[in-house]
C-alpha atoms as a PDB file:
ATOM      1  CA  MET A   1      94.818 106.212 121.900  1.00  0.00           C
ATOM      2  CA  ASN A   2      98.444 107.235 121.497  1.00  0.00           C
ATOM      3  CA  THR A   3     101.174 105.488 123.310  1.00  0.00           C
ATOM      4  CA  PRO A   4     103.672 107.627 125.312  1.00  0.00           C
ATOM      5  CA  ALA A   5     106.998 108.086 123.600  1.00  0.00           C
ATOM      6  CA  GLY A   6     109.627 105.613 124.603  1.00  0.00           C
ATOM      7  CA  ASN A   7     107.286 102.664 125.059  1.00  0.00           C
ATOM      8  CA  ALA A   8     108.029  99.548 122.967  1.00  0.00           C
ATOM      9  CA  PRO A   9     105.794  99.015 119.897  1.00  0.00           C
ATOM     10  CA  ARG A  10     102.960  96.587 120.600  1.00  0.00           C
ATOM     11  CA  PRO A  11     101.410  93.815 118.531  1.00  0.00           C
ATOM     12  CA  ALA A  12      98.026  94.444 116.878  1.00  0.00           C
ATOM     13  CA  VAL A  13      95.410  92.471 115.128  1.00  0.00           C
ATOM     14  CA  PHE A  14      94.025  94.294 112.008  1.00  0.00           C
ATOM     15  CA  LEU A  15      90.528  93.328 111.055  1.00  0.00           C
ATOM     16  CA  ASP A  16      88.736  93.832 107.924  1.00  0.00           C
ATOM     17  CA  ARG A  17      85.128  94.919 108.650  1.00  0.00           C
ATOM     18  CA  ASP A  18      82.609  93.663 106.150  1.00  0.00           C
ATOM     19  CA  GLY A  19      82.385  89.972 105.913  1.00  0.00           C
ATOM     20  CA  THR A  20      84.854  89.461 108.745  1.00  0.00           C
ATOM     21  CA  VAL A  21      83.410  91.322 111.818  1.00  0.00           C
ATOM     22  CA  ILE A  22      79.989  92.229 110.466  1.00  0.00           C
ATOM     23  CA  GLU A  23      77.857  90.625 107.838  1.00  0.00           C
ATOM     24  CA  GLU A  24      78.488  91.609 104.256  1.00  0.00           C
ATOM     25  CA  VAL A  25      75.991  94.171 102.959  1.00  0.00           C
ATOM     26  CA  HIS A  26      76.563  95.651  99.566  1.00  0.00           C
ATOM     27  CA  TYR A  27      77.868  99.211 100.186  1.00  0.00           C
ATOM     28  CA  LEU A  28      76.569  99.309 103.699  1.00  0.00           C
ATOM     29  CA  SER A  29      75.076 102.820 104.254  1.00  0.00           C
ATOM     30  CA  ASP A  30      72.524 102.270 107.043  1.00  0.00           C
ATOM     31  CA  PRO A  31      73.558 101.668 110.625  1.00  0.00           C
ATOM     32  CA  ALA A  32      70.308  99.680 111.121  1.00  0.00           C
ATOM     33  CA  LEU A  33      71.778  96.984 108.846  1.00  0.00           C
ATOM     34  CA  VAL A  34      74.804  96.308 110.996  1.00  0.00           C
ATOM     35  CA  ARG A  35      74.846  92.648 112.150  1.00  0.00           C
ATOM     36  CA  LEU A  36      77.838  90.970 113.712  1.00  0.00           C
ATOM     37  CA  VAL A  37      79.137  87.791 112.195  1.00  0.00           C
ATOM     38  CA  PRO A  38      78.258  85.089 114.769  1.00  0.00           C
ATOM     39  CA  GLY A  39      80.954  84.820 117.453  1.00  0.00           C
ATOM     40  CA  SER A  40      82.846  87.913 116.330  1.00  0.00           C
ATOM     41  CA  GLY A  41      82.171  89.723 119.608  1.00  0.00           C
ATOM     42  CA  SER A  42      83.571  87.008 121.831  1.00  0.00           C
ATOM     43  CA  ALA A  43      86.500  86.576 119.403  1.00  0.00           C
ATOM     44  CA  ILE A  44      87.416  90.214 119.618  1.00  0.00           C
ATOM     45  CA  ARG A  45      87.058  90.147 123.412  1.00  0.00           C
ATOM     46  CA  ARG A  46      89.689  87.335 123.491  1.00  0.00           C
ATOM     47  CA  LEU A  47      92.022  89.483 121.392  1.00  0.00           C
ATOM     48  CA  ASN A  48      91.493  92.408 123.829  1.00  0.00           C
ATOM     49  CA  GLU A  49      92.058  90.054 126.799  1.00  0.00           C
ATOM     50  CA  ALA A  50      95.286  88.667 125.264  1.00  0.00           C
ATOM     51  CA  GLY A  51      96.720  92.283 124.974  1.00  0.00           C
ATOM     52  CA  TYR A  52      96.365  92.796 121.223  1.00  0.00           C
ATOM     53  CA  PHE A  53      95.591  96.307 119.964  1.00  0.00           C
ATOM     54  CA  VAL A  54      92.613  95.791 117.734  1.00  0.00           C
ATOM     55  CA  VAL A  55      92.230  97.876 114.571  1.00  0.00           C
ATOM     56  CA  ILE A  56      89.556  97.909 111.841  1.00  0.00           C
ATOM     57  CA  ALA A  57      91.052  98.488 108.392  1.00  0.00           C
ATOM     58  CA  THR A  58      88.270  98.862 105.856  1.00  0.00           C
ATOM     59  CA  ASN A  59      88.026 100.010 102.227  1.00  0.00           C
ATOM     60  CA  GLN A  60      84.955 102.339 101.988  1.00  0.00           C
ATOM     61  CA  SER A  61      84.684 103.280  98.310  1.00  0.00           C
ATOM     62  CA  GLY A  62      81.050 103.917  98.894  1.00  0.00           C
ATOM     63  CA  ILE A  63      82.075 107.340 100.028  1.00  0.00           C
ATOM     64  CA  ALA A  64      83.679 108.127  96.673  1.00  0.00           C
ATOM     65  CA  ARG A  65      80.662 106.646  94.940  1.00  0.00           C
ATOM     66  CA  GLY A  66      78.369 109.005  96.896  1.00  0.00           C
ATOM     67  CA  LEU A  67      76.527 106.215  98.652  1.00  0.00           C
ATOM     68  CA  LEU A  68      77.414 107.356 102.168  1.00  0.00           C
ATOM     69  CA  ASP A  69      79.419 110.138 103.855  1.00  0.00           C
ATOM     70  CA  GLU A  70      81.957 110.297 106.780  1.00  0.00           C
ATOM     71  CA  ALA A  71      79.173 111.074 109.314  1.00  0.00           C
ATOM     72  CA  THR A  72      77.217 107.963 108.280  1.00  0.00           C
ATOM     73  CA  LEU A  73      80.359 105.807 108.418  1.00  0.00           C
ATOM     74  CA  ALA A  74      80.919 107.084 112.060  1.00  0.00           C
ATOM     75  CA  LEU A  75      77.318 106.104 112.921  1.00  0.00           C
ATOM     76  CA  ILE A  76      77.902 102.598 111.347  1.00  0.00           C
ATOM     77  CA  HIS A  77      81.086 102.203 113.410  1.00  0.00           C
ATOM     78  CA  ALA A  78      79.212 103.454 116.591  1.00  0.00           C
ATOM     79  CA  GLU A  79      76.523 100.768 116.027  1.00  0.00           C
ATOM     80  CA  MET A  80      79.119  98.099 115.544  1.00  0.00           C
ATOM     81  CA  ALA A  81      80.886  99.188 118.745  1.00  0.00           C
ATOM     82  CA  ARG A  82      77.640  99.111 120.625  1.00  0.00           C
ATOM     83  CA  GLN A  83      76.932  95.523 119.459  1.00  0.00           C
ATOM     84  CA  LEU A  84      80.532  94.442 120.378  1.00  0.00           C
ATOM     85  CA  ALA A  85      80.181  95.967 123.754  1.00  0.00           C
ATOM     86  CA  VAL A  86      77.465  93.442 124.592  1.00  0.00           C
ATOM     87  CA  ASP A  87      80.334  90.845 124.540  1.00  0.00           C
ATOM     88  CA  ASN A  88      82.676  93.222 126.371  1.00  0.00           C
ATOM     89  CA  ALA A  89      84.662  93.576 123.198  1.00  0.00           C
ATOM     90  CA  ARG A  90      86.174  96.773 121.719  1.00  0.00           C
ATOM     91  CA  ILE A  91      87.895  98.095 118.738  1.00  0.00           C
ATOM     92  CA  ASP A  92      90.850 100.348 119.722  1.00  0.00           C
ATOM     93  CA  HIS A  93      91.375 102.254 116.458  1.00  0.00           C
ATOM     94  CA  TYR A  94      89.632 102.586 113.004  1.00  0.00           C
ATOM     95  CA  GLU A  95      91.207 103.235 109.603  1.00  0.00           C
ATOM     96  CA  HIS A  96      89.245 103.514 106.498  1.00  0.00           C
ATOM     97  CA  CYS A  97      89.996 104.430 102.872  1.00  0.00           C
ATOM     98  CA  PRO A  98      87.226 106.414 101.136  1.00  0.00           C
ATOM     99  CA  HIS A  99      88.688 106.382  97.704  1.00  0.00           C
ATOM    100  CA  HIS A 100      88.278 104.391  94.542  1.00  0.00           C
ATOM    101  CA  PRO A 101      90.318 105.347  91.431  1.00  0.00           C
ATOM    102  CA  GLU A 102      87.283 104.629  89.090  1.00  0.00           C
ATOM    103  CA  TYR A 103      85.035 107.079  90.977  1.00  0.00           C
ATOM    104  CA  ASP A 104      87.198 109.796  92.426  1.00  0.00           C
ATOM    105  CA  GLY A 105      90.490 109.371  90.475  1.00  0.00           C
ATOM    106  CA  VAL A 106      92.540 108.924  93.606  1.00  0.00           C
ATOM    107  CA  GLU A 107      95.226 106.224  93.519  1.00  0.00           C
ATOM    108  CA  THR A 108      96.413 105.484  97.071  1.00  0.00           C
ATOM    109  CA  GLU A 109      98.372 102.883  98.972  1.00  0.00           C
ATOM    110  CA  ARG A 110      95.787 103.287 101.782  1.00  0.00           C
ATOM    111  CA  ARG A 111      93.301 101.261  99.754  1.00  0.00           C
ATOM    112  CA  LYS A 112      93.751  97.490 100.272  1.00  0.00           C
ATOM    113  CA  PRO A 113      95.574  95.528  98.800  1.00  0.00           C
ATOM    114  CA  GLY A 114      97.980  98.484  99.601  1.00  0.00           C
ATOM    115  CA  PRO A 115      99.359  98.438 103.097  1.00  0.00           C
ATOM    116  CA  GLY A 116      98.807 102.179 103.804  1.00  0.00           C
ATOM    117  CA  MET A 117      96.112 101.851 106.390  1.00  0.00           C
ATOM    118  CA  LEU A 118      98.197  99.421 108.399  1.00  0.00           C
ATOM    119  CA  HIS A 119     101.284 101.620 108.129  1.00  0.00           C
ATOM    120  CA  ASP A 120      99.326 104.675 109.232  1.00  0.00           C
ATOM    121  CA  ALA A 121      97.837 102.900 112.288  1.00  0.00           C
ATOM    122  CA  ALA A 122     101.266 101.591 113.230  1.00  0.00           C
ATOM    123  CA  ARG A 123     102.736 105.122 113.103  1.00  0.00           C
ATOM    124  CA  THR A 124      99.808 106.658 115.087  1.00  0.00           C
ATOM    125  CA  GLU A 125      99.490 103.895 117.646  1.00  0.00           C
ATOM    126  CA  ASN A 126     103.050 102.668 118.024  1.00  0.00           C
ATOM    127  CA  LEU A 127     102.406  99.235 116.596  1.00  0.00           C
ATOM    128  CA  GLU A 128     104.883  96.554 115.718  1.00  0.00           C
ATOM    129  CA  LEU A 129     103.761  95.264 112.277  1.00  0.00           C
ATOM    130  CA  THR A 130     106.098  92.185 112.247  1.00  0.00           C
ATOM    131  CA  LYS A 131     104.376  90.930 115.424  1.00  0.00           C
ATOM    132  CA  SER A 132     100.939  91.784 114.208  1.00  0.00           C
ATOM    133  CA  TRP A 133      98.222  89.982 112.246  1.00  0.00           C
ATOM    134  CA  MET A 134      95.755  90.936 109.449  1.00  0.00           C
ATOM    135  CA  ILE A 135      92.486  88.933 109.350  1.00  0.00           C
ATOM    136  CA  GLY A 136      90.041  89.383 106.484  1.00  0.00           C
ATOM    137  CA  ASP A 137      87.663  87.656 104.145  1.00  0.00           C
ATOM    138  CA  ALA A 138      89.208  88.878 100.941  1.00  0.00           C
ATOM    139  CA  PHE A 139      92.482  88.111  99.185  1.00  0.00           C
ATOM    140  CA  ARG A 140      93.139  91.946  99.171  1.00  0.00           C
ATOM    141  CA  ASP A 141      93.178  91.837 102.994  1.00  0.00           C
ATOM    142  CA  VAL A 142      95.846  89.129 103.028  1.00  0.00           C
ATOM    143  CA  GLN A 143      97.910  91.127 100.435  1.00  0.00           C
ATOM    144  CA  ALA A 144      97.658  94.280 102.548  1.00  0.00           C
ATOM    145  CA  GLY A 145      98.858  92.381 105.655  1.00  0.00           C
ATOM    146  CA  ARG A 146     101.671  90.708 103.801  1.00  0.00           C
ATOM    147  CA  ARG A 147     102.842  93.944 102.173  1.00  0.00           C
ATOM    148  CA  ALA A 148     102.859  95.595 105.698  1.00  0.00           C
ATOM    149  CA  GLY A 149     105.003  92.767 107.098  1.00  0.00           C
ATOM    150  CA  ALA A 150     102.199  91.239 109.205  1.00  0.00           C
ATOM    151  CA  ARG A 151     101.174  87.593 109.399  1.00  0.00           C
ATOM    152  CA  THR A 152      97.789  86.885 107.814  1.00  0.00           C
ATOM    153  CA  ILE A 153      94.630  84.781 108.149  1.00  0.00           C
ATOM    154  CA  LEU A 154      91.830  84.489 105.507  1.00  0.00           C
ATOM    155  CA  VAL A 155      88.432  83.758 106.918  1.00  0.00           C
ATOM    156  CA  GLU A 156      85.840  82.026 104.709  1.00  0.00           C
ATOM    157  CA  THR A 157      82.905  84.273 105.722  1.00  0.00           C
ATOM    158  CA  GLY A 158      81.998  87.040 103.316  1.00  0.00           C
ATOM    159  CA  LYS A 159      84.167  86.773 100.191  1.00  0.00           C
ATOM    160  CA  GLY A 160      86.599  84.270 101.752  1.00  0.00           C
ATOM    161  CA  ALA A 161      85.221  81.136 100.273  1.00  0.00           C
ATOM    162  CA  ILE A 162      85.380  82.657  96.836  1.00  0.00           C
ATOM    163  CA  ASP A 163      88.913  84.110  97.264  1.00  0.00           C
ATOM    164  CA  ARG A 164      90.379  81.018  98.913  1.00  0.00           C
ATOM    165  CA  GLU A 165      91.928  79.280  95.883  1.00  0.00           C
ATOM    166  CA  GLU A 166      93.393  82.457  94.492  1.00  0.00           C
ATOM    167  CA  ALA A 167      94.831  83.325  97.858  1.00  0.00           C
ATOM    168  CA  LEU A 168      96.408  79.932  98.480  1.00  0.00           C
ATOM    169  CA  ALA A 169      97.975  79.798  95.009  1.00  0.00           C
ATOM    170  CA  SER A 170      99.573  83.219  95.404  1.00  0.00           C
ATOM    171  CA  ARG A 171     103.096  84.053  96.671  1.00  0.00           C
ATOM    172  CA  GLU A 172     101.196  86.262  99.084  1.00  0.00           C
ATOM    173  CA  ALA A 173      99.215  83.301 100.536  1.00  0.00           C
ATOM    174  CA  PRO A 174      97.811  83.577 104.053  1.00  0.00           C
ATOM    175  CA  ASP A 175      99.558  81.999 106.968  1.00  0.00           C
ATOM    176  CA  HIS A 176      96.283  80.219 107.743  1.00  0.00           C
ATOM    177  CA  VAL A 177      92.699  79.802 106.468  1.00  0.00           C
ATOM    178  CA  ALA A 178      89.875  79.606 109.069  1.00  0.00           C
ATOM    179  CA  ALA A 179      86.113  79.187 108.741  1.00  0.00           C
ATOM    180  CA  ASP A 180      85.309  82.409 110.602  1.00  0.00           C
ATOM    181  CA  LEU A 181      86.768  84.985 112.960  1.00  0.00           C
ATOM    182  CA  PRO A 182      86.310  82.913 116.162  1.00  0.00           C
ATOM    183  CA  GLN A 183      88.350  79.997 114.552  1.00  0.00           C
ATOM    184  CA  ALA A 184      90.939  82.458 113.241  1.00  0.00           C
ATOM    185  CA  VAL A 185      91.399  83.988 116.729  1.00  0.00           C
ATOM    186  CA  GLU A 186      91.593  80.442 118.297  1.00  0.00           C
ATOM    187  CA  TRP A 187      94.450  79.628 115.899  1.00  0.00           C
ATOM    188  CA  LEU A 188      96.208  82.949 116.236  1.00  0.00           C
ATOM    189  CA  LEU A 189      96.175  82.743 120.045  1.00  0.00           C
ATOM    190  CA  ALA A 190      97.585  79.212 119.863  1.00  0.00           C
ATOM    191  CA  GLN A 191     100.610  80.724 117.985  1.00  0.00           C
ATOM    192  CA  GLY A 192     101.664  82.986 120.852  1.00  0.00           C
ATOM    193  CA  LYS A 193     102.966  86.471 120.460  1.00  0.00           C
END
């Protein structure tokens, strides 16, 4: 969904996928295992209704490890979209990084905690990163958001409870910590654009 030239950049909410929107499954490679984190569909619908452009930004090193391929990843995202549609929610754009230096030798800023996926989506979709948010369950999500110039929220689903202390002690600490995506969205919307 490209924005016509000349339109002002718009705010976005970048979401980590595993442990934030869908339940954490170690190297998810089967669309049948996709399960939404409770309340994530209605939370994303609220972001859609508030006018935020919603982007998934997900590390997918399982591709480099040979555990899934791009076609399977597309099927996983299609199943997630199908489940979100039940709540009239949608993801506007997907970014993923298939690399892992240990497995394919590729060092890249696209892999979180690098900000590359957020920068690429911002260029492609005409997004204003300084008016955007990154929500994720891992400290690396917070770091990627900070490094891209976005505000950040750590959710305590998935890895979030484990990463909480490290994140809060860092100079790249999140703007807020929430129990889950619905609470994160509630707080985000209360801040205004």
